[in-house]
Structure formats: structure tokens, C-alpha cells
PDB file of N, CA and C in Angstrom:
ATOM      1  N   ASP A   1     -24.265   0.921   9.032  1.00  0.00           N
ATOM      2  CA  ASP A   1     -24.905   0.902   7.732  1.00  0.00           C
ATOM      3  C   ASP A   1     -23.926   1.168   6.606  1.00  0.00           C
ATOM      4  N   GLY A   2     -22.680   1.452   6.908  1.00  0.00           N
ATOM      5  CA  GLY A   2     -21.691   1.700   5.875  1.00  0.00           C
ATOM      6  C   GLY A   2     -20.324   1.224   6.306  1.00  0.00           C
ATOM      7  N   TRP A   3     -19.374   1.325   5.389  1.00  0.00           N
ATOM      8  CA  TRP A   3     -18.012   0.900   5.663  1.00  0.00           C
ATOM      9  C   TRP A   3     -17.234   2.072   6.199  1.00  0.00           C
ATOM     10  N   GLY A   4     -16.248   1.810   6.984  1.00  0.00           N
ATOM     11  CA  GLY A   4     -15.367   2.844   7.489  1.00  0.00           C
ATOM     12  C   GLY A   4     -14.107   2.213   8.052  1.00  0.00           C
ATOM     13  N   LEU A   5     -13.123   3.052   8.318  1.00  0.00           N
ATOM     14  CA  LEU A   5     -11.884   2.556   8.890  1.00  0.00           C
ATOM     15  C   LEU A   5     -11.877   2.834  10.378  1.00  0.00           C
ATOM     16  N   CYS A   6     -11.506   1.845  11.130  1.00  0.00           N
ATOM     17  CA  CYS A   6     -11.389   1.989  12.579  1.00  0.00           C
ATOM     18  C   CYS A   6      -9.945   2.349  12.914  1.00  0.00           C
ATOM     19  N   ASN A   7      -9.628   2.345  14.173  1.00  0.00           N
ATOM     20  CA  ASN A   7      -8.276   2.644  14.629  1.00  0.00           C
ATOM     21  C   ASN A   7      -7.266   1.705  14.002  1.00  0.00           C
ATOM     22  N   MET A   8      -6.095   2.245  13.677  1.00  0.00           N
ATOM     23  CA  MET A   8      -4.961   1.483  13.169  1.00  0.00           C
ATOM     24  C   MET A   8      -5.258   0.739  11.876  1.00  0.00           C
ATOM     25  N   GLY A   9      -6.195   1.247  11.080  1.00  0.00           N
ATOM     26  CA  GLY A   9      -6.430   0.668   9.774  1.00  0.00           C
ATOM     27  C   GLY A   9      -7.343  -0.525   9.736  1.00  0.00           C
ATOM     28  N   ASP A  10      -7.917  -0.922  10.870  1.00  0.00           N
ATOM     29  CA  ASP A  10      -8.865  -2.032  10.848  1.00  0.00           C
ATOM     30  C   ASP A  10     -10.109  -1.610  10.088  1.00  0.00           C
ATOM     31  N   VAL A  11     -10.630  -2.485   9.272  1.00  0.00           N
ATOM     32  CA  VAL A  11     -11.833  -2.187   8.511  1.00  0.00           C
ATOM     33  C   VAL A  11     -13.042  -2.517   9.370  1.00  0.00           C
ATOM     34  N   CYS A  12     -13.919  -1.529   9.527  1.00  0.00           N
ATOM     35  CA  CYS A  12     -15.169  -1.760  10.252  1.00  0.00           C
ATOM     36  C   CYS A  12     -16.248  -2.016   9.217  1.00  0.00           C
ATOM     37  N   CYS A  13     -17.017  -3.036   9.417  1.00  0.00           N
ATOM     38  CA  CYS A  13     -18.033  -3.374   8.440  1.00  0.00           C
ATOM     39  C   CYS A  13     -19.378  -3.536   9.123  1.00  0.00           C
ATOM     40  N   PRO A  14     -20.436  -3.485   8.333  1.00  0.00           N
ATOM     41  CA  PRO A  14     -21.761  -3.686   8.904  1.00  0.00           C
ATOM     42  C   PRO A  14     -21.851  -5.038   9.598  1.00  0.00           C
ATOM     43  N   GLN A  15     -22.662  -5.114  10.620  1.00  0.00           N
ATOM     44  CA  GLN A  15     -22.782  -6.359  11.373  1.00  0.00           C
ATOM     45  C   GLN A  15     -23.321  -7.492  10.516  1.00  0.00           C
ATOM     46  N   GLU A  16     -24.098  -7.159   9.483  1.00  0.00           N
ATOM     47  CA  GLU A  16     -24.663  -8.202   8.633  1.00  0.00           C
ATOM     48  C   GLU A  16     -23.582  -8.910   7.823  1.00  0.00           C
ATOM     49  N   ALA A  17     -22.483  -8.230   7.536  1.00  0.00           N
ATOM     50  CA  ALA A  17     -21.427  -8.814   6.708  1.00  0.00           C
ATOM     51  C   ALA A  17     -20.655  -9.850   7.515  1.00  0.00           C
ATOM     52  N   GLN A  18     -20.528 -11.036   6.963  1.00  0.00           N
ATOM     53  CA  GLN A  18     -19.840 -12.117   7.650  1.00  0.00           C
ATOM     54  C   GLN A  18     -18.340 -12.116   7.366  1.00  0.00           C
ATOM     55  N   GLU A  19     -17.975 -11.770   6.142  1.00  0.00           N
ATOM     56  CA  GLU A  19     -16.584 -11.896   5.743  1.00  0.00           C
ATOM     57  C   GLU A  19     -16.254 -10.802   4.736  1.00  0.00           C
ATOM     58  N   LEU A  20     -15.035 -10.291   4.806  1.00  0.00           N
ATOM     59  CA  LEU A  20     -14.595  -9.289   3.849  1.00  0.00           C
ATOM     60  C   LEU A  20     -14.375  -9.936   2.485  1.00  0.00           C
ATOM     61  N   SER A  21     -14.609  -9.162   1.438  1.00  0.00           N
ATOM     62  CA  SER A  21     -14.324  -9.648   0.088  1.00  0.00           C
ATOM     63  C   SER A  21     -12.810  -9.660  -0.124  1.00  0.00           C
ATOM     64  N   ASP A  22     -12.372 -10.260  -1.215  1.00  0.00           N
ATOM     65  CA  ASP A  22     -10.946 -10.296  -1.532  1.00  0.00           C
ATOM     66  C   ASP A  22     -10.377  -8.888  -1.642  1.00  0.00           C
ATOM     67  N   VAL A  23     -11.105  -7.991  -2.291  1.00  0.00           N
ATOM     68  CA  VAL A  23     -10.627  -6.619  -2.472  1.00  0.00           C
ATOM     69  C   VAL A  23     -10.554  -5.901  -1.126  1.00  0.00           C
ATOM     70  N   GLU A  24     -11.554  -6.099  -0.290  1.00  0.00           N
ATOM     71  CA  GLU A  24     -11.540  -5.473   1.037  1.00  0.00           C
ATOM     72  C   GLU A  24     -10.374  -5.988   1.879  1.00  0.00           C
ATOM     73  N   ARG A  25     -10.091  -7.280   1.793  1.00  0.00           N
ATOM     74  CA  ARG A  25      -8.942  -7.839   2.514  1.00  0.00           C
ATOM     75  C   ARG A  25      -7.639  -7.264   1.964  1.00  0.00           C
ATOM     76  N   ALA A  26      -7.574  -7.069   0.652  1.00  0.00           N
ATOM     77  CA  ALA A  26      -6.373  -6.494   0.045  1.00  0.00           C
ATOM     78  C   ALA A  26      -6.151  -5.066   0.537  1.00  0.00           C
ATOM     79  N   ILE A  27      -7.218  -4.279   0.602  1.00  0.00           N
ATOM     80  CA  ILE A  27      -7.110  -2.906   1.104  1.00  0.00           C
ATOM     81  C   ILE A  27      -6.676  -2.925   2.565  1.00  0.00           C
ATOM     82  N   GLU A  28      -7.290  -3.785   3.350  1.00  0.00           N
ATOM     83  CA  GLU A  28      -6.932  -3.894   4.767  1.00  0.00           C
ATOM     84  C   GLU A  28      -5.454  -4.270   4.916  1.00  0.00           C
ATOM     85  N   THR A  29      -4.971  -5.174   4.062  1.00  0.00           N
ATOM     86  CA  THR A  29      -3.569  -5.584   4.103  1.00  0.00           C
ATOM     87  C   THR A  29      -2.651  -4.417   3.782  1.00  0.00           C
ATOM     88  N   LEU A  30      -2.995  -3.611   2.774  1.00  0.00           N
ATOM     89  CA  LEU A  30      -2.186  -2.436   2.441  1.00  0.00           C
ATOM     90  C   LEU A  30      -2.110  -1.472   3.622  1.00  0.00           C
ATOM     91  N   ILE A  31      -3.239  -1.232   4.258  1.00  0.00           N
ATOM     92  CA  ILE A  31      -3.277  -0.318   5.401  1.00  0.00           C
ATOM     93  C   ILE A  31      -2.424  -0.864   6.544  1.00  0.00           C
ATOM     94  N   LYS A  32      -2.582  -2.131   6.847  1.00  0.00           N
ATOM     95  CA  LYS A  32      -1.809  -2.733   7.942  1.00  0.00           C
ATOM     96  C   LYS A  32      -0.314  -2.702   7.648  1.00  0.00           C
ATOM     97  N   ASN A  33       0.074  -2.978   6.398  1.00  0.00           N
ATOM     98  CA  ASN A  33       1.489  -2.928   6.043  1.00  0.00           C
ATOM     99  C   ASN A  33       2.034  -1.516   6.156  1.00  0.00           C
ATOM    100  N   PHE A  34       1.272  -0.532   5.705  1.00  0.00           N
ATOM    101  CA  PHE A  34       1.700   0.861   5.826  1.00  0.00           C
ATOM    102  C   PHE A  34       1.998   1.175   7.290  1.00  0.00           C
ATOM    103  N   HIS A  35       1.073   0.837   8.174  1.00  0.00           N
ATOM    104  CA  HIS A  35       1.254   1.120   9.604  1.00  0.00           C
ATOM    105  C   HIS A  35       2.384   0.292  10.215  1.00  0.00           C
ATOM    106  N   GLN A  36       2.559  -0.927   9.751  1.00  0.00           N
ATOM    107  CA  GLN A  36       3.625  -1.786  10.267  1.00  0.00           C
ATOM    108  C   GLN A  36       4.999  -1.190   9.982  1.00  0.00           C
ATOM    109  N   TYR A  37       5.169  -0.602   8.804  1.00  0.00           N
ATOM    110  CA  TYR A  37       6.467  -0.074   8.407  1.00  0.00           C
ATOM    111  C   TYR A  37       6.668   1.381   8.809  1.00  0.00           C
ATOM    112  N   SER A  38       5.638   2.079   9.227  1.00  0.00           N
ATOM    113  CA  SER A  38       5.762   3.495   9.603  1.00  0.00           C
ATOM    114  C   SER A  38       6.062   3.603  11.093  1.00  0.00           C
ATOM    115  N   VAL A  39       7.339   3.522  11.423  1.00  0.00           N
ATOM    116  CA  VAL A  39       7.728   3.540  12.827  1.00  0.00           C
ATOM    117  C   VAL A  39       8.503   4.795  13.223  1.00  0.00           C
ATOM    118  N   GLU A  40       9.303   5.350  12.319  1.00  0.00           N
ATOM    119  CA  GLU A  40      10.173   6.474  12.668  1.00  0.00           C
ATOM    120  C   GLU A  40       9.409   7.774  12.875  1.00  0.00           C
ATOM    121  N   GLY A  41       8.487   8.081  11.986  1.00  0.00           N
ATOM    122  CA  GLY A  41       7.828   9.376  12.042  1.00  0.00           C
ATOM    123  C   GLY A  41       6.391   9.313  12.506  1.00  0.00           C
ATOM    124  N   GLY A  42       5.964   8.218  13.045  1.00  0.00           N
ATOM    125  CA  GLY A  42       4.572   8.067  13.450  1.00  0.00           C
ATOM    126  C   GLY A  42       3.827   7.204  12.454  1.00  0.00           C
ATOM    127  N   LYS A  43       2.648   6.776  12.838  1.00  0.00           N
ATOM    128  CA  LYS A  43       1.870   5.825  12.035  1.00  0.00           C
ATOM    129  C   LYS A  43       1.231   6.440  10.795  1.00  0.00           C
ATOM    130  N   GLU A  44       1.242   7.747  10.663  1.00  0.00           N
ATOM    131  CA  GLU A  44       0.553   8.388   9.543  1.00  0.00           C
ATOM    132  C   GLU A  44       1.443   8.636   8.331  1.00  0.00           C
ATOM    133  N   THR A  45       2.757   8.434   8.471  1.00  0.00           N
ATOM    134  CA  THR A  45       3.675   8.704   7.364  1.00  0.00           C
ATOM    135  C   THR A  45       4.783   7.655   7.308  1.00  0.00           C
ATOM    136  N   LEU A  46       5.374   7.534   6.117  1.00  0.00           N
ATOM    137  CA  LEU A  46       6.564   6.701   5.922  1.00  0.00           C
ATOM    138  C   LEU A  46       7.724   7.605   5.540  1.00  0.00           C
ATOM    139  N   THR A  47       8.900   7.323   6.060  1.00  0.00           N
ATOM    140  CA  THR A  47      10.103   7.992   5.588  1.00  0.00           C
ATOM    141  C   THR A  47      10.546   7.276   4.309  1.00  0.00           C
ATOM    142  N   PRO A  48      11.434   7.894   3.514  1.00  0.00           N
ATOM    143  CA  PRO A  48      11.920   7.195   2.318  1.00  0.00           C
ATOM    144  C   PRO A  48      12.534   5.830   2.631  1.00  0.00           C
ATOM    145  N   SER A  49      13.279   5.724   3.725  1.00  0.00           N
ATOM    146  CA  SER A  49      13.886   4.422   4.048  1.00  0.00           C
ATOM    147  C   SER A  49      12.827   3.403   4.457  1.00  0.00           C
ATOM    148  N   GLU A  50      11.783   3.839   5.162  1.00  0.00           N
ATOM    149  CA  GLU A  50      10.697   2.925   5.519  1.00  0.00           C
ATOM    150  C   GLU A  50       9.956   2.458   4.271  1.00  0.00           C
ATOM    151  N   LEU A  51       9.718   3.378   3.337  1.00  0.00           N
ATOM    152  CA  LEU A  51       9.042   3.014   2.089  1.00  0.00           C
ATOM    153  C   LEU A  51       9.875   2.011   1.304  1.00  0.00           C
ATOM    154  N   ARG A  52      11.162   2.279   1.200  1.00  0.00           N
ATOM    155  CA  ARG A  52      12.036   1.359   0.461  1.00  0.00           C
ATOM    156  C   ARG A  52      12.030  -0.020   1.128  1.00  0.00           C
ATOM    157  N   HIS A  53      12.065  -0.061   2.447  1.00  0.00           N
ATOM    158  CA  HIS A  53      12.035  -1.340   3.168  1.00  0.00           C
ATOM    159  C   HIS A  53      10.712  -2.056   2.918  1.00  0.00           C
ATOM    160  N   LEU A  54       9.600  -1.349   2.997  1.00  0.00           N
ATOM    161  CA  LEU A  54       8.280  -1.943   2.745  1.00  0.00           C
ATOM    162  C   LEU A  54       8.225  -2.533   1.340  1.00  0.00           C
ATOM    163  N   VAL A  55       8.642  -1.740   0.360  1.00  0.00           N
ATOM    164  CA  VAL A  55       8.562  -2.180  -1.036  1.00  0.00           C
ATOM    165  C   VAL A  55       9.483  -3.374  -1.279  1.00  0.00           C
ATOM    166  N   THR A  56      10.680  -3.333  -0.720  1.00  0.00           N
ATOM    167  CA  THR A  56      11.627  -4.435  -0.892  1.00  0.00           C
ATOM    168  C   THR A  56      11.094  -5.724  -0.282  1.00  0.00           C
ATOM    169  N   GLN A  57      10.498  -5.611   0.900  1.00  0.00           N
ATOM    170  CA  GLN A  57      10.006  -6.791   1.605  1.00  0.00           C
ATOM    171  C   GLN A  57       8.662  -7.286   1.074  1.00  0.00           C
ATOM    172  N   GLN A  58       7.767  -6.368   0.747  1.00  0.00           N
ATOM    173  CA  GLN A  58       6.391  -6.741   0.422  1.00  0.00           C
ATOM    174  C   GLN A  58       6.087  -6.785  -1.074  1.00  0.00           C
ATOM    175  N   LEU A  59       6.927  -6.163  -1.900  1.00  0.00           N
ATOM    176  CA  LEU A  59       6.702  -6.161  -3.355  1.00  0.00           C
ATOM    177  C   LEU A  59       7.957  -6.627  -4.096  1.00  0.00           C
ATOM    178  N   PRO A  60       8.570  -7.723  -3.675  1.00  0.00           N
ATOM    179  CA  PRO A  60       9.842  -8.118  -4.284  1.00  0.00           C
ATOM    180  C   PRO A  60       9.739  -8.477  -5.759  1.00  0.00           C
ATOM    181  N   HIS A  61       8.579  -8.914  -6.205  1.00  0.00           N
ATOM    182  CA  HIS A  61       8.424  -9.322  -7.605  1.00  0.00           C
ATOM    183  C   HIS A  61       8.056  -8.153  -8.503  1.00  0.00           C
ATOM    184  N   LEU A  62       7.550  -7.071  -7.937  1.00  0.00           N
ATOM    185  CA  LEU A  62       7.189  -5.901  -8.734  1.00  0.00           C
ATOM    186  C   LEU A  62       8.361  -4.953  -8.934  1.00  0.00           C
ATOM    187  N   MET A  63       9.232  -4.839  -7.950  1.00  0.00           N
ATOM    188  CA  MET A  63      10.299  -3.844  -8.013  1.00  0.00           C
ATOM    189  C   MET A  63      11.269  -4.030  -9.171  1.00  0.00           C
ATOM    190  N   PRO A  64      11.773  -5.226  -9.449  1.00  0.00           N
ATOM    191  CA  PRO A  64      12.749  -5.344 -10.534  1.00  0.00           C
ATOM    192  C   PRO A  64      12.199  -4.886 -11.888  1.00  0.00           C
ATOM    193  N   ASN A  65      10.908  -5.009 -12.092  1.00  0.00           N
ATOM    194  CA  ASN A  65      10.295  -4.662 -13.375  1.00  0.00           C
ATOM    195  C   ASN A  65       9.647  -3.287 -13.368  1.00  0.00           C
ATOM    196  N   ASN A  66       9.813  -2.544 -12.302  1.00  0.00           N
ATOM    197  CA  ASN A  66       9.081  -1.293 -12.180  1.00  0.00           C
ATOM    198  C   ASN A  66      10.038  -0.149 -11.898  1.00  0.00           C
ATOM    199  N   CYS A  67      10.716   0.305 -12.938  1.00  0.00           N
ATOM    200  CA  CYS A  67      11.672   1.397 -12.786  1.00  0.00           C
ATOM    201  C   CYS A  67      10.987   2.675 -12.326  1.00  0.00           C
ATOM    202  N   GLY A  68       9.752   2.875 -12.746  1.00  0.00           N
ATOM    203  CA  GLY A  68       9.029   4.082 -12.351  1.00  0.00           C
ATOM    204  C   GLY A  68       8.840   4.173 -10.856  1.00  0.00           C
ATOM    205  N   LEU A  69       8.544   3.061 -10.218  1.00  0.00           N
ATOM    206  CA  LEU A  69       8.356   3.051  -8.769  1.00  0.00           C
ATOM    207  C   LEU A  69       9.676   3.327  -8.064  1.00  0.00           C
ATOM    208  N   GLU A  70      10.737   2.690  -8.512  1.00  0.00           N
ATOM    209  CA  GLU A  70      12.055   2.924  -7.909  1.00  0.00           C
ATOM    210  C   GLU A  70      12.470   4.384  -8.082  1.00  0.00           C
ATOM    211  N   GLU A  71      12.175   4.948  -9.250  1.00  0.00           N
ATOM    212  CA  GLU A  71      12.513   6.349  -9.506  1.00  0.00           C
ATOM    213  C   GLU A  71      11.745   7.279  -8.567  1.00  0.00           C
ATOM    214  N   LYS A  72      10.475   6.992  -8.347  1.00  0.00           N
ATOM    215  CA  LYS A  72       9.675   7.828  -7.445  1.00  0.00           C
ATOM    216  C   LYS A  72      10.187   7.745  -6.015  1.00  0.00           C
ATOM    217  N   ILE A  73      10.606   6.563  -5.601  1.00  0.00           N
ATOM    218  CA  ILE A  73      11.183   6.420  -4.262  1.00  0.00           C
ATOM    219  C   ILE A  73      12.482   7.214  -4.185  1.00  0.00           C
ATOM    220  N   ALA A  74      13.305   7.115  -5.230  1.00  0.00           N
ATOM    221  CA  ALA A  74      14.568   7.849  -5.253  1.00  0.00           C
ATOM    222  C   ALA A  74      14.328   9.355  -5.212  1.00  0.00           C
ATOM    223  N   ASN A  75      13.261   9.823  -5.860  1.00  0.00           N
ATOM    224  CA  ASN A  75      12.950  11.251  -5.867  1.00  0.00           C
ATOM    225  C   ASN A  75      12.550  11.776  -4.495  1.00  0.00           C
ATOM    226  N   LEU A  76      12.118  10.887  -3.617  1.00  0.00           N
ATOM    227  CA  LEU A  76      11.807  11.310  -2.251  1.00  0.00           C
ATOM    228  C   LEU A  76      13.077  11.682  -1.504  1.00  0.00           C
ATOM    229  N   GLY A  77      14.201  11.198  -2.004  1.00  0.00           N
ATOM    230  CA  GLY A  77      15.472  11.486  -1.358  1.00  0.00           C
ATOM    231  C   GLY A  77      15.770  10.495  -0.256  1.00  0.00           C
ATOM    232  N   SER A  78      16.933  10.646   0.306  1.00  0.00           N
ATOM    233  CA  SER A  78      17.331   9.751   1.389  1.00  0.00           C
ATOM    234  C   SER A  78      17.136  10.398   2.743  1.00  0.00           C
ATOM    235  N   CYS A  79      16.810  11.673   2.742  1.00  0.00           N
ATOM    236  CA  CYS A  79      16.609  12.395   3.998  1.00  0.00           C
ATOM    237  C   CYS A  79      15.330  11.912   4.663  1.00  0.00           C
ATOM    238  N   ASN A  80      15.453  11.428   5.858  1.00  0.00           N
ATOM    239  CA  ASN A  80      14.285  10.914   6.552  1.00  0.00           C
ATOM    240  C   ASN A  80      13.387  12.019   7.093  1.00  0.00           C
ATOM    241  N   ASP A  81      13.722  13.279   6.759  1.00  0.00           N
ATOM    242  CA  ASP A  81      12.804  14.377   7.068  1.00  0.00           C
ATOM    243  C   ASP A  81      11.639  14.367   6.091  1.00  0.00           C
ATOM    244  N   SER A  82      11.836  13.751   4.908  1.00  0.00           N
ATOM    245  CA  SER A  82      10.753  13.615   3.936  1.00  0.00           C
ATOM    246  C   SER A  82       9.741  12.629   4.490  1.00  0.00           C
ATOM    247  N   LYS A  83       8.485  12.933   4.297  1.00  0.00           N
ATOM    248  CA  LYS A  83       7.422  12.059   4.795  1.00  0.00           C
ATOM    249  C   LYS A  83       6.463  11.739   3.660  1.00  0.00           C
ATOM    250  N   LEU A  84       6.015  10.520   3.621  1.00  0.00           N
ATOM    251  CA  LEU A  84       5.068  10.061   2.614  1.00  0.00           C
ATOM    252  C   LEU A  84       3.776   9.688   3.326  1.00  0.00           C
ATOM    253  N   GLU A  85       2.698  10.374   2.981  1.00  0.00           N
ATOM    254  CA  GLU A  85       1.408  10.074   3.590  1.00  0.00           C
ATOM    255  C   GLU A  85       0.748   8.903   2.863  1.00  0.00           C
ATOM    256  N   PHE A  86      -0.284   8.336   3.487  1.00  0.00           N
ATOM    257  CA  PHE A  86      -0.924   7.147   2.932  1.00  0.00           C
ATOM    258  C   PHE A  86      -1.483   7.397   1.533  1.00  0.00           C
ATOM    259  N   GLY A  87      -2.060   8.567   1.279  1.00  0.00           N
ATOM    260  CA  GLY A  87      -2.615   8.861  -0.043  1.00  0.00           C
ATOM    261  C   GLY A  87      -1.571   8.755  -1.141  1.00  0.00           C
ATOM    262  N   THR A  88      -0.383   9.257  -0.876  1.00  0.00           N
ATOM    263  CA  THR A  88       0.700   9.165  -1.851  1.00  0.00           C
ATOM    264  C   THR A  88       1.170   7.719  -1.991  1.00  0.00           C
ATOM    265  N   PHE A  89       1.228   7.004  -0.877  1.00  0.00           N
ATOM    266  CA  PHE A  89       1.562   5.574  -0.908  1.00  0.00           C
ATOM    267  C   PHE A  89       0.557   4.822  -1.777  1.00  0.00           C
ATOM    268  N   TRP A  90      -0.721   5.125  -1.609  1.00  0.00           N
ATOM    269  CA  TRP A  90      -1.784   4.491  -2.394  1.00  0.00           C
ATOM    270  C   TRP A  90      -1.558   4.740  -3.887  1.00  0.00           C
ATOM    271  N   GLU A  91      -1.178   5.976  -4.245  1.00  0.00           N
ATOM    272  CA  GLU A  91      -0.905   6.302  -5.649  1.00  0.00           C
ATOM    273  C   GLU A  91       0.284   5.497  -6.173  1.00  0.00           C
ATOM    274  N   LEU A  92       1.330   5.367  -5.362  1.00  0.00           N
ATOM    275  CA  LEU A  92       2.490   4.573  -5.777  1.00  0.00           C
ATOM    276  C   LEU A  92       2.120   3.109  -5.992  1.00  0.00           C
ATOM    277  N   ILE A  93       1.284   2.579  -5.115  1.00  0.00           N
ATOM    278  CA  ILE A  93       0.830   1.193  -5.265  1.00  0.00           C
ATOM    279  C   ILE A  93       0.013   1.060  -6.555  1.00  0.00           C
ATOM    280  N   GLY A  94      -0.802   2.060  -6.847  1.00  0.00           N
ATOM    281  CA  GLY A  94      -1.570   2.061  -8.091  1.00  0.00           C
ATOM    282  C   GLY A  94      -0.665   2.049  -9.309  1.00  0.00           C
ATOM    283  N   GLU A  95       0.400   2.844  -9.256  1.00  0.00           N
ATOM    284  CA  GLU A  95       1.366   2.860 -10.359  1.00  0.00           C
ATOM    285  C   GLU A  95       2.045   1.495 -10.499  1.00  0.00           C
ATOM    286  N   ALA A  96       2.405   0.894  -9.377  1.00  0.00           N
ATOM    287  CA  ALA A  96       3.040  -0.429  -9.417  1.00  0.00           C
ATOM    288  C   ALA A  96       2.080  -1.462  -9.981  1.00  0.00           C
ATOM    289  N   ALA A  97       0.808  -1.347  -9.632  1.00  0.00           N
ATOM    290  CA  ALA A  97      -0.196  -2.313 -10.093  1.00  0.00           C
ATOM    291  C   ALA A  97      -0.370  -2.267 -11.608  1.00  0.00           C
ATOM    292  N   LYS A  98      -0.120  -1.114 -12.212  1.00  0.00           N
ATOM    293  CA  LYS A  98      -0.257  -0.997 -13.666  1.00  0.00           C
ATOM    294  C   LYS A  98       0.719  -1.910 -14.399  1.00  0.00           C
ATOM    295  N   SER A  99       1.813  -2.271 -13.739  1.00  0.00           N
ATOM    296  CA  SER A  99       2.808  -3.124 -14.395  1.00  0.00           C
ATOM    297  C   SER A  99       2.459  -4.605 -14.300  1.00  0.00           C
ATOM    298  N   VAL A 100       1.449  -4.932 -13.516  1.00  0.00           N
ATOM    299  CA  VAL A 100       1.056  -6.331 -13.332  1.00  0.00           C
ATOM    300  C   VAL A 100       0.233  -6.788 -14.525  1.00  0.00           C
ATOM    301  N   LYS A 101       0.627  -7.885 -15.100  1.00  0.00           N
ATOM    302  CA  LYS A 101      -0.110  -8.467 -16.222  1.00  0.00           C
ATOM    303  C   LYS A 101      -0.883  -9.670 -15.709  1.00  0.00           C
ATOM    304  N   LEU A 102      -2.166  -9.678 -15.962  1.00  0.00           N
ATOM    305  CA  LEU A 102      -2.983 -10.811 -15.539  1.00  0.00           C
ATOM    306  C   LEU A 102      -2.667 -12.016 -16.408  1.00  0.00           C
ATOM    307  N   GLU A 103      -2.586 -13.180 -15.779  1.00  0.00           N
ATOM    308  CA  GLU A 103      -2.299 -14.408 -16.522  1.00  0.00           C
ATOM    309  C   GLU A 103      -3.488 -14.852 -17.353  1.00  0.00           C
ATOM    310  N   SER A 104      -4.682 -14.570 -16.875  1.00  0.00           N
ATOM    311  CA  SER A 104      -5.875 -14.912 -17.640  1.00  0.00           C
ATOM    312  C   SER A 104      -6.845 -13.744 -17.540  1.00  0.00           C
ATOM    313  N   PRO A 105      -7.683 -13.563 -18.557  1.00  0.00           N
ATOM    314  CA  PRO A 105      -8.617 -12.447 -18.526  1.00  0.00           C
ATOM    315  C   PRO A 105      -9.598 -12.575 -17.367  1.00  0.00           C
ATOM    316  N   VAL A 106     -10.044 -11.428 -16.893  1.00  0.00           N
ATOM    317  CA  VAL A 106     -11.041 -11.395 -15.826  1.00  0.00           C
ATOM    318  C   VAL A 106     -12.388 -11.769 -16.425  1.00  0.00           C
ATOM    319  N   PRO A 107     -13.113 -12.702 -15.799  1.00  0.00           N
ATOM    320  CA  PRO A 107     -14.426 -13.094 -16.330  1.00  0.00           C
ATOM    321  C   PRO A 107     -15.347 -11.884 -16.461  1.00  0.00           C
ATOM    322  N   GLY A 108     -16.056 -11.830 -17.554  1.00  0.00           N
ATOM    323  CA  GLY A 108     -17.014 -10.755 -17.777  1.00  0.00           C
ATOM    324  C   GLY A 108     -16.413  -9.477 -18.316  1.00  0.00           C
ATOM    325  N   SER A 109     -15.114  -9.482 -18.659  1.00  0.00           N
ATOM    326  CA  SER A 109     -14.521  -8.259 -19.199  1.00  0.00           C
ATOM    327  C   SER A 109     -14.275  -8.377 -20.683  1.00  0.00           C
TER     328      SER A 109
END
């Protein structure tokens, strides 16, 4: 009767739902990418080097224009003892998203 996350970031949805919405697919993609790149310290955290690799590979168009994101990654340090949990990753993605300019206005806004 509700949404929830299954093992390894898979989105579990009500049986009545046939297909995930664009936003739900985007969230699922973020979760899967987080888990794909989190190999050194376990699936629940990213090391600074894993985060940098994820961002370089998956956000190549956002990084050059987003000094704030690069600065936050740099502040994590290079020590792989530092761990970044998904909640903090989500916040960083939110900060990166603020730099995205829509090419056309969203209908109804």
C-alpha cells in the first residue's frame, strides 16, 4: 500500500503500479549509482575517492560549473577513512542540482 526501498536500493512499489514515474526512476538511479561506486567501505558509504570517481563519471557536465561541489568533495579529504553516507550524498546532489538551469520553464509553474 506504500512505497519503500528493497534490498540494494531497488524501489518496491504497490502491485497496482505498472511503471515508475520519471522522478522515481531518477531516485532509483541515484541509489543504484551510490551502491555501484561504494565498494571499498561497504555499500552504505562512499570514500572520498569513490565519491570523486562517481561524480567524475556520472556528473561530467555539472562538475566544471560547480565549484561548490568540488570544494565539498575536497573538504572530505583524501583519506579513505572518511566515509560519506547516502544522506550526505543526497544533499550534495541537491546542491549540484541547484546549478542546473532549465532550458524551458516547467509547465504550470
